Protein backbone atom coordinates (compact mmCIF):
# COMPACT_ATOMS: atom_id res chain seq x y z
CA MET A 1 19.85 6.81 3.20
CA GLU A 2 20.81 5.22 -0.09
CA SER A 3 18.56 2.23 0.61
CA VAL A 4 15.61 4.58 1.24
CA LEU A 5 16.19 6.20 -2.15
CA GLU A 6 16.40 2.80 -3.83
CA PHE A 7 13.18 1.75 -2.11
CA THR A 8 11.46 4.92 -3.32
CA HIS A 9 12.64 4.36 -6.90
CA LEU A 10 11.45 0.75 -6.82
CA LEU A 11 8.04 1.86 -5.61
CA ASP A 12 7.84 4.48 -8.36
CA TYR A 13 8.53 1.72 -10.88
CA THR A 14 6.39 -1.11 -9.49
CA MET A 15 3.52 0.87 -7.93
CA PRO A 16 3.27 4.32 -9.53
CA GLY A 17 1.17 6.66 -7.41
CA ILE A 18 1.12 4.55 -4.23
CA LYS A 19 3.17 7.12 -2.28
CA THR A 20 0.40 9.69 -2.68
CA LEU A 21 -2.19 7.24 -1.31
CA LEU A 22 -0.32 5.99 1.73
CA LYS A 23 1.74 8.14 4.03
CA GLY A 24 5.21 6.92 4.93
CA TRP A 25 6.92 7.31 8.30
CA ASN A 26 4.86 8.79 11.12
CA GLU A 27 6.92 10.41 13.88
CA ASN A 28 4.06 10.22 16.39
CA THR A 29 3.35 6.50 16.03
CA GLY A 30 6.74 5.29 14.89
CA LYS A 31 5.08 3.41 12.05
CA ASP A 32 5.72 3.40 8.32
CA LYS A 33 2.38 2.72 6.64
CA LEU A 34 3.82 2.65 3.14
CA GLY A 35 6.59 0.26 4.16
CA ASP A 36 4.13 -1.97 5.98
CA PHE A 37 1.81 -1.99 2.95
CA VAL A 38 4.47 -3.08 0.50
CA GLU A 39 5.49 -5.96 2.77
CA SER A 40 2.17 -7.57 1.89
CA PHE A 41 1.27 -5.92 -1.43
CA TRP A 42 4.66 -5.28 -3.06
CA HIS A 43 3.44 -4.91 -6.64
CA PHE A 44 0.22 -3.83 -8.32
CA HIS A 45 0.10 -7.23 -10.04
CA ILE A 46 -0.53 -8.86 -6.66
CA ILE A 47 -3.51 -6.55 -6.19
CA THR A 48 -4.86 -7.06 -9.71
CA LYS A 49 -4.74 -10.85 -9.39
CA MET A 50 -7.30 -10.57 -6.59
CA THR A 51 -10.93 -9.76 -7.11
CA GLU A 52 -12.00 -6.38 -5.79
CA GLY A 53 -13.68 -8.05 -2.82
CA GLU A 54 -10.62 -10.17 -2.03
CA PHE A 55 -8.31 -7.16 -2.08
CA ILE A 56 -10.61 -5.00 0.04
CA ALA A 57 -10.98 -7.80 2.60
CA GLY A 58 -7.20 -8.35 2.56
CA TYR A 59 -6.49 -4.63 2.91
CA LEU A 60 -8.91 -4.24 5.82
CA GLU A 61 -7.42 -7.28 7.58
CA TRP A 62 -3.91 -5.96 6.96
CA ALA A 63 -4.88 -2.56 8.41
CA LYS A 64 -6.39 -4.21 11.49
CA GLU A 65 -3.33 -6.41 12.07
CA LYS A 66 -0.94 -3.46 11.69
CA GLY A 67 -3.03 -1.11 13.84
CA TYR A 68 -4.04 1.31 11.08
CA HIS A 69 -7.44 2.86 10.46
CA ARG A 70 -9.50 0.45 8.38
CA SER A 71 -10.72 2.38 5.35
CA GLN A 72 -12.70 0.68 2.63
CA ASP A 73 -12.48 3.88 0.57
CA LYS A 74 -8.67 3.78 0.65
CA ALA A 75 -8.73 0.08 -0.28
CA GLU A 76 -11.01 0.84 -3.23
CA THR A 77 -8.74 3.69 -4.34
CA CYS A 78 -5.65 1.45 -4.18
CA ARG A 79 -7.49 -1.17 -6.21
CA LYS A 80 -8.73 1.37 -8.75
CA ASN A 81 -5.24 2.83 -9.21
CA SER A 82 -3.74 -0.62 -9.65
CA ARG A 83 -6.19 -1.32 -12.49
CA ALA A 84 -5.10 1.88 -14.24
CA GLU A 85 -1.48 0.77 -14.44
């Protein structure tokens, strides 16, 4: 449990607001979308180094590989929020 709290605090520091965009653990699917996302995009600086098109393409590919719904709107929102930080 302590490691989950540390993970949450790290996310609050490195990616403020990401927890409201991506749901965490899903009992029905046994997947953790937030955890899966931060494996690939662990800091907003990674997102901001990419062009908008590169990030959206990367996000959509990530979602496909992980078996999540591919949402360009959600990718755009993640990108927009990363620019605000």
